[in-house]
Amino acid sequence: MRLNFPWLVLPFAILTGCGDTGTESEPEPPRVVVGASSAALTAPAAASGAPVSVAVSNGGEGTISGLTATIVHAAGEPDGWLTATLSATSTPATLELAASALPLSGSYTATVTVGSAVPSEGSADIEVTLTVEPRPLLYIVDQQNDVLRRLDPSTLEIDEVGALGYNMDFGDCSYDPDGRRLYATDGRGNLALYTVDLATGAATQVGVHGVAEAFSLEYHPPSGVLFITDRTVPRTLYRLDKTTAVAAAVGEVGLRISALAWDGQRQTLVGQTTNVGPAGAALYTIDLASAVLTQVATSPSINNHGMTYDLGEDRIWAADLSGRLVRFDPGNGYAATSVATGLGQNVCIAYVP
């Protein structure tokens, strides 16, 4: 049986499948695109930090030329700390962001806008933040008045912090980077261990170690204990518990060690004698298990003093009773450089990163 529906007529386009004419889309116009909308920079105080690179490209077709980078610093904040440099004036390009922290401290923000000579090609913003890392400082004690002072090793500027509240009397100091605490001793008098507030200079007694003529003190990060040496025959190296101040003898060093410094790069304890004693001024490494000394260098004339190691610069700093600041280079045979004079009667110095 055959059915006829003469009134049913299908459109030609459906019968032939040719309804889609396949028209092409419009080309995407050129537009500026950046690889990141934010960038974080860090820089040491009074120095420049590592730059950060951001890709600049064309998000459409054609070419973009006449690229520009404009910096706007946050309202009320210092300017001039940020540079934005394009590797080319057309895409693709790289934008290098670099910061200088001189003479800043804290955190800062700015906006960098990358655009082109043609307004229709748009622009893209990058929010930039700078965090200034605190600069390492040296803390010294002038025993004329027993006052803690800050010494900037890059500028040699000295700021007074405050009085210790006890007579250091040829004692020493050392910084514990793990506990973020400054320890100090007195060489004569209470024969005690103290903690010192870096903000006020005020000292708090931890306990009495009882070792007379203990002119040196140094913190040992691997073990978390302090070391001291005394100048009384037989002249001994001691471990010092930082929570109780209890001293335990390691062995005899035999010489009048006036200062100690833990060399964190070479993992060794360095001690120094002065021109005051019969051995003259010299530098030694000290075996922590036996207290045996090994001379590594002679030293320019130096009075009773303190010593500390600067891991960032791989240097040993010494400040002495005659007002001298001396720098030793362990990587160059402990070559000595006189940095400053007239700094007061200092018997203690500590590097605080």
Protein backbone atom coordinates (compact mmCIF):
# COMPACT_ATOMS: atom_id res chain seq x y z
CA MET A 1 0.00 0.00 0.00
CA ARG A 2 1.42 3.38 -0.97
CA LEU A 3 0.62 6.63 0.83
CA ASN A 4 0.91 9.99 -0.89
CA PHE A 5 1.11 13.31 0.92
CA PRO A 6 1.33 15.85 -1.85
CA TRP A 7 1.09 18.70 0.67
CA LEU A 8 4.36 17.73 2.40
CA VAL A 9 7.26 19.54 0.80
CA LEU A 10 10.66 19.45 2.51
CA PRO A 11 12.89 22.51 2.19
CA PHE A 12 15.63 22.17 -0.31
CA ALA A 13 18.31 22.98 2.22
CA ILE A 14 17.30 20.04 4.43
CA LEU A 15 17.18 17.63 1.50
CA THR A 16 20.58 18.65 0.26
CA GLY A 17 22.27 19.23 3.67
CA CYS A 18 23.58 22.56 2.49
CA GLY A 19 22.00 24.83 5.14
CA ASP A 20 25.45 25.68 6.77
CA THR A 21 27.13 28.11 4.49
CA GLY A 22 30.45 27.84 6.48
CA THR A 23 31.04 31.58 6.93
CA GLU A 24 34.44 32.49 8.55
CA SER A 25 34.69 34.23 11.98
CA GLU A 26 36.17 37.70 12.30
CA PRO A 27 39.93 37.78 13.19
CA GLU A 28 40.74 38.54 16.83
CA PRO A 29 42.22 42.06 17.06
CA PRO A 30 45.68 42.55 18.62
CA ARG A 31 45.70 43.01 22.39
CA VAL A 32 48.44 43.21 25.03
CA VAL A 33 48.69 40.16 27.30
CA VAL A 34 51.10 39.63 30.24
CA GLY A 35 52.13 36.29 31.67
CA ALA A 36 51.34 37.21 35.29
CA SER A 37 49.06 39.70 36.99
CA SER A 38 51.29 39.98 40.06
CA ALA A 39 54.97 39.77 40.96
CA ALA A 40 56.69 39.52 44.36
CA LEU A 41 60.17 40.96 44.81
CA THR A 42 62.50 40.72 47.79
CA ALA A 43 65.65 42.70 48.45
CA PRO A 44 68.11 42.90 51.32
CA ALA A 45 68.11 46.23 53.11
CA ALA A 46 70.40 48.77 51.43
CA ALA A 47 70.87 46.47 48.43
CA SER A 48 69.24 45.21 45.25
CA GLY A 49 67.29 41.98 44.93
CA ALA A 50 67.00 39.40 42.16
CA PRO A 51 64.83 40.56 39.23
CA VAL A 52 61.59 38.87 38.15
CA SER A 53 60.70 38.38 34.47
CA VAL A 54 57.17 38.51 33.03
CA ALA A 55 56.30 37.50 29.43
CA VAL A 56 54.50 40.03 27.23
CA SER A 57 52.59 38.68 24.21
CA ASN A 58 49.83 39.39 21.69
CA GLY A 59 46.49 37.83 22.57
CA GLY A 60 45.13 38.37 19.07
CA GLU A 61 46.30 38.40 15.47
CA GLY A 62 48.58 40.83 13.73
CA THR A 63 51.43 42.61 15.47
CA ILE A 64 51.83 44.90 18.45
CA SER A 65 54.60 47.48 18.42
CA GLY A 66 55.47 50.53 20.47
CA LEU A 67 55.27 48.68 23.81
CA THR A 68 55.61 50.79 26.95
CA ALA A 69 55.87 50.03 30.67
CA THR A 70 54.61 52.61 33.17
CA ILE A 71 55.12 52.46 36.95
CA VAL A 72 52.71 53.96 39.48
CA HIS A 73 53.76 53.63 43.12
CA ALA A 74 51.17 53.26 45.86
CA ALA A 75 49.88 56.54 47.26
CA GLY A 76 51.88 57.78 50.22
CA GLU A 77 54.74 55.34 49.65
CA PRO A 78 58.28 56.13 48.45
CA ASP A 79 58.95 55.90 44.73
CA GLY A 80 62.08 55.14 42.75
CA TRP A 81 62.62 51.65 44.17
CA LEU A 82 61.23 49.78 41.12
CA THR A 83 62.47 49.54 37.53
CA ALA A 84 60.51 47.95 34.66
CA THR A 85 62.52 47.18 31.53
CA LEU A 86 61.14 45.72 28.29
CA SER A 87 63.42 43.52 26.20
CA ALA A 88 61.76 44.74 22.98
CA THR A 89 59.20 47.30 21.81
CA SER A 90 57.12 44.70 19.97
CA THR A 91 55.67 41.34 20.94
CA PRO A 92 56.82 38.87 22.02
CA ALA A 93 58.86 40.60 24.73
CA THR A 94 60.01 40.11 28.31
CA LEU A 95 59.43 42.63 31.09
CA GLU A 96 62.13 42.61 33.78
CA LEU A 97 61.10 43.93 37.19
CA ALA A 98 63.88 44.83 39.61
CA ALA A 99 63.95 46.52 43.01
CA SER A 100 66.51 48.39 45.06
CA ALA A 101 65.88 48.59 48.81
CA LEU A 102 68.15 51.56 49.44
CA PRO A 103 67.29 53.05 51.92
CA LEU A 104 64.01 51.25 52.63
CA SER A 105 62.61 48.84 55.22
CA GLY A 106 59.27 47.05 55.30
CA SER A 107 56.90 46.34 52.38
CA TYR A 108 55.91 48.41 49.35
CA THR A 109 53.58 48.13 46.35
CA ALA A 110 53.37 49.51 42.83
CA THR A 111 51.43 48.88 39.61
CA VAL A 112 53.19 48.37 36.29
CA THR A 113 51.02 48.94 33.21
CA VAL A 114 52.17 47.46 29.89
CA GLY A 115 50.57 49.10 26.88
CA SER A 116 51.18 49.90 23.22
CA ALA A 117 51.19 52.95 20.98
CA VAL A 118 47.72 51.99 19.73
CA PRO A 119 45.02 52.52 22.39
CA SER A 120 42.71 49.90 20.86
CA GLU A 121 45.32 47.22 21.59
CA GLY A 122 44.63 47.70 25.27
CA SER A 123 46.95 47.34 28.25
CA ALA A 124 47.65 44.93 31.10
CA ASP A 125 48.51 45.60 34.77
CA ILE A 126 50.98 43.80 37.02
CA GLU A 127 50.71 44.38 40.78
CA VAL A 128 54.23 44.40 42.22
CA THR A 129 55.12 43.98 45.90
CA LEU A 130 58.53 44.51 47.45
CA THR A 131 59.53 42.99 50.79
CA VAL A 132 62.73 44.39 52.24
CA GLU A 133 64.66 41.83 54.21
CA PRO A 134 66.14 43.18 57.45
CA ARG A 135 69.82 43.95 57.09
CA PRO A 136 72.21 42.04 59.32
CA LEU A 137 73.60 44.07 62.19
CA LEU A 138 76.49 43.77 64.57
CA TYR A 139 75.77 44.29 68.25
CA ILE A 140 78.61 45.53 70.42
CA VAL A 141 79.02 46.47 74.08
CA ASP A 142 81.16 49.40 75.14
CA GLN A 143 82.33 48.46 78.61
CA GLN A 144 83.05 52.08 79.53
CA ASN A 145 79.32 52.34 80.30
CA ASP A 146 78.08 48.78 79.66
CA VAL A 147 75.66 49.88 76.93
CA LEU A 148 74.48 47.68 74.08
CA ARG A 149 74.90 49.32 70.67
CA ARG A 150 73.95 48.46 67.08
CA LEU A 151 76.63 48.71 64.41
CA ASP A 152 75.68 48.65 60.72
CA PRO A 153 78.61 46.93 58.97
CA SER A 154 77.74 48.52 55.60
CA THR A 155 77.68 52.13 56.83
CA LEU A 156 79.52 51.85 60.18
CA GLU A 157 76.71 53.86 61.77
CA ILE A 158 76.25 53.14 65.49
CA ASP A 159 72.98 53.44 67.40
CA GLU A 160 72.69 53.13 71.15
CA VAL A 161 70.18 50.50 72.31
CA GLY A 162 70.34 50.68 76.09
CA ALA A 163 72.16 49.79 79.29
CA LEU A 164 72.77 46.15 80.18
CA GLY A 165 72.23 46.74 83.86
CA TYR A 166 75.34 44.81 84.88
CA ASN A 167 79.10 45.26 84.61
CA MET A 168 80.37 43.26 81.62
CA ASP A 169 84.00 43.60 82.78
CA PHE A 170 85.73 41.77 79.91
CA GLY A 171 82.80 39.43 79.27
CA ASP A 172 81.47 38.53 75.84
CA CYS A 173 78.23 38.02 73.89
CA SER A 174 76.90 35.66 71.23
CA TYR A 175 73.67 35.35 69.25
CA ASP A 176 71.55 32.20 69.08
CA PRO A 177 69.83 32.30 65.64
CA ASP A 178 67.65 29.31 66.52
CA GLY A 179 66.15 30.86 69.64
CA ARG A 180 66.66 34.41 68.30
CA ARG A 181 68.30 35.44 71.53
CA LEU A 182 71.46 37.29 72.50
CA TYR A 183 73.50 35.78 75.33
CA ALA A 184 76.18 37.56 77.33
CA THR A 185 78.57 36.93 80.20
CA ASP A 186 80.72 38.95 82.57
CA GLY A 187 84.41 38.16 82.71
CA ARG A 188 84.76 39.12 86.35
CA GLY A 189 82.19 39.72 89.04
CA ASN A 190 78.99 37.67 89.03
CA LEU A 191 80.48 34.99 86.73
CA ALA A 192 77.02 34.58 85.23
CA LEU A 193 75.20 34.02 81.95
CA TYR A 194 72.58 36.55 80.79
CA THR A 195 70.06 37.02 78.01
CA VAL A 196 69.93 40.51 76.51
CA ASP A 197 66.88 42.23 75.04
CA LEU A 198 67.86 43.49 71.57
CA ALA A 199 65.23 46.20 71.72
CA THR A 200 66.15 47.70 75.09
CA GLY A 201 69.60 46.35 75.98
CA ALA A 202 68.36 45.12 79.36
CA ALA A 203 70.03 41.90 80.57
CA THR A 204 68.35 39.11 82.55
CA GLN A 205 70.49 36.66 84.48
CA VAL A 206 70.04 33.01 83.49
CA GLY A 207 72.32 31.52 86.11
CA VAL A 208 75.84 31.48 87.53
CA HIS A 209 78.46 29.41 85.70
CA GLY A 210 81.20 30.20 88.23
CA VAL A 211 84.09 30.23 85.73
CA ALA A 212 86.44 33.10 86.57
CA GLU A 213 88.18 35.09 83.82
CA ALA A 214 85.81 33.75 81.14
CA PHE A 215 86.53 36.37 78.47
CA SER A 216 84.96 34.52 75.51
CA LEU A 217 81.50 33.18 74.62
CA GLU A 218 80.08 31.58 71.47
CA TYR A 219 76.87 29.77 70.53
CA HIS A 220 77.19 26.42 68.72
CA PRO A 221 74.12 25.89 66.46
CA PRO A 222 74.65 22.16 65.77
CA SER A 223 74.43 21.26 69.48
CA GLY A 224 72.46 24.20 70.85
CA VAL A 225 75.00 24.88 73.60
CA LEU A 226 77.36 27.75 74.37
CA PHE A 227 81.14 27.55 74.69
CA ILE A 228 83.40 29.66 76.89
CA THR A 229 87.11 29.69 77.63
CA ASP A 230 88.87 31.08 80.68
CA ARG A 231 92.26 32.72 81.11
CA THR A 232 93.14 31.01 84.39
CA VAL A 233 95.75 28.24 84.20
CA PRO A 234 95.30 25.60 82.83
CA ARG A 235 92.95 27.66 80.56
CA THR A 236 90.01 25.47 79.70
CA LEU A 237 87.24 25.17 77.10
CA TYR A 238 83.78 24.68 78.67
CA ARG A 239 80.34 23.79 77.39
CA LEU A 240 77.70 26.06 78.87
CA ASP A 241 74.03 25.07 79.14
CA LYS A 242 72.04 28.04 77.83
CA THR A 243 69.04 27.36 80.08
CA THR A 244 70.86 26.75 83.38
CA ALA A 245 74.34 28.30 82.83
CA VAL A 246 75.92 25.08 84.16
CA ALA A 247 79.47 24.75 82.82
CA ALA A 248 81.13 21.43 81.89
CA ALA A 249 84.85 21.26 81.08
CA VAL A 250 85.83 19.90 77.64
CA GLY A 251 89.61 20.14 77.87
CA GLU A 252 92.58 22.44 78.24
CA VAL A 253 93.32 24.94 75.47
CA GLY A 254 96.53 26.08 77.16
CA LEU A 255 96.43 29.67 75.81
CA ARG A 256 94.59 32.84 76.75
CA ILE A 257 91.76 32.70 74.22
CA SER A 258 90.14 36.12 74.28
CA ALA A 259 87.35 35.51 71.74
CA LEU A 260 85.48 32.72 69.95
CA ALA A 261 83.51 32.52 66.67
CA TRP A 262 81.62 29.58 65.14
CA ASP A 263 82.42 29.43 61.41
CA GLY A 264 79.15 28.07 60.02
CA GLN A 265 80.51 27.47 56.53
CA ARG A 266 83.49 25.39 57.62
CA GLN A 267 81.74 24.04 60.72
CA THR A 268 84.59 24.85 63.03
CA LEU A 269 85.15 26.87 66.20
CA VAL A 270 87.74 29.62 65.81
CA GLY A 271 89.51 31.19 68.78
CA GLN A 272 91.87 34.14 68.96
CA THR A 273 94.58 35.19 71.34
CA THR A 274 95.61 38.83 71.75
CA ASN A 275 98.80 40.80 71.86
CA VAL A 276 98.21 41.10 75.62
CA GLY A 277 99.24 37.50 76.30
CA PRO A 278 102.66 35.86 75.81
CA ALA A 279 101.51 33.93 72.72
CA GLY A 280 100.81 37.13 70.79
CA ALA A 281 97.83 37.64 68.51
CA ALA A 282 96.91 34.57 66.47
CA LEU A 283 93.90 32.60 65.21
CA TYR A 284 93.25 28.93 66.00
CA THR A 285 90.68 26.28 65.25
CA ILE A 286 89.52 24.43 68.35
CA ASP A 287 88.54 20.77 68.48
CA LEU A 288 85.19 20.61 70.28
CA ALA A 289 85.82 17.12 71.59
CA SER A 290 89.35 17.59 72.93
CA ALA A 291 89.90 21.39 73.04
CA VAL A 292 93.12 20.93 71.04
CA LEU A 293 94.20 24.11 69.21
CA THR A 294 95.52 24.31 65.66
CA GLN A 295 96.98 27.62 64.59
CA VAL A 296 95.62 28.83 61.24
CA ALA A 297 96.99 32.37 61.06
CA THR A 298 98.83 35.11 62.85
CA SER A 299 96.93 38.30 63.51
CA PRO A 300 97.60 42.01 63.57
CA SER A 301 97.92 43.45 67.04
CA ILE A 302 94.56 43.26 68.82
CA ASN A 303 93.55 44.00 72.40
CA ASN A 304 91.05 42.06 74.53
CA HIS A 305 88.05 41.72 72.26
CA GLY A 306 84.99 39.89 70.99
CA MET A 307 84.58 37.98 67.74
CA THR A 308 81.66 36.84 65.56
CA TYR A 309 81.13 35.10 62.21
CA ASP A 310 79.15 36.67 59.37
CA LEU A 311 77.74 33.75 57.34
CA GLY A 312 76.34 36.00 54.61
CA GLU A 313 79.74 37.52 53.82
CA ASP A 314 81.92 34.63 55.04
CA ARG A 315 83.85 36.97 57.31
CA ILE A 316 84.87 37.07 60.96
CA TRP A 317 84.41 40.41 62.70
CA ALA A 318 86.41 41.44 65.76
CA ALA A 319 85.88 44.50 67.99
CA ASP A 320 88.44 45.27 70.68
CA LEU A 321 89.06 47.27 73.82
CA SER A 322 91.12 49.80 71.84
CA GLY A 323 88.17 50.77 69.61
CA ARG A 324 89.19 48.80 66.53
CA LEU A 325 86.88 46.90 64.17
CA VAL A 326 88.76 44.25 62.20
CA ARG A 327 87.49 41.86 59.51
CA PHE A 328 89.12 38.47 58.84
CA ASP A 329 88.66 36.48 55.62
CA PRO A 330 88.68 32.70 56.36
CA GLY A 331 88.67 31.91 52.64
CA ASN A 332 91.90 33.84 52.15
CA GLY A 333 94.10 32.60 54.96
CA TYR A 334 92.27 34.75 57.50
CA ALA A 335 93.67 37.90 55.91
CA ALA A 336 92.88 40.86 58.18
CA THR A 337 91.44 44.23 57.18
CA SER A 338 91.21 47.17 59.56
CA VAL A 339 87.69 48.55 59.02
CA ALA A 340 87.35 51.28 61.65
CA THR A 341 88.94 52.76 64.75
CA GLY A 342 87.71 54.89 67.64
CA LEU A 343 84.58 52.81 68.28
CA GLY A 344 84.88 52.68 72.07
CA GLN A 345 86.06 50.03 74.53
CA ASN A 346 84.32 47.01 73.02
CA VAL A 347 84.88 43.51 74.36
CA CYS A 348 81.82 41.90 72.77
CA ILE A 349 80.45 41.67 69.23
CA ALA A 350 77.62 39.53 67.85
CA TYR A 351 76.30 39.12 64.30
CA VAL A 352 72.50 39.22 64.16
CA PRO A 353 71.03 38.30 60.74
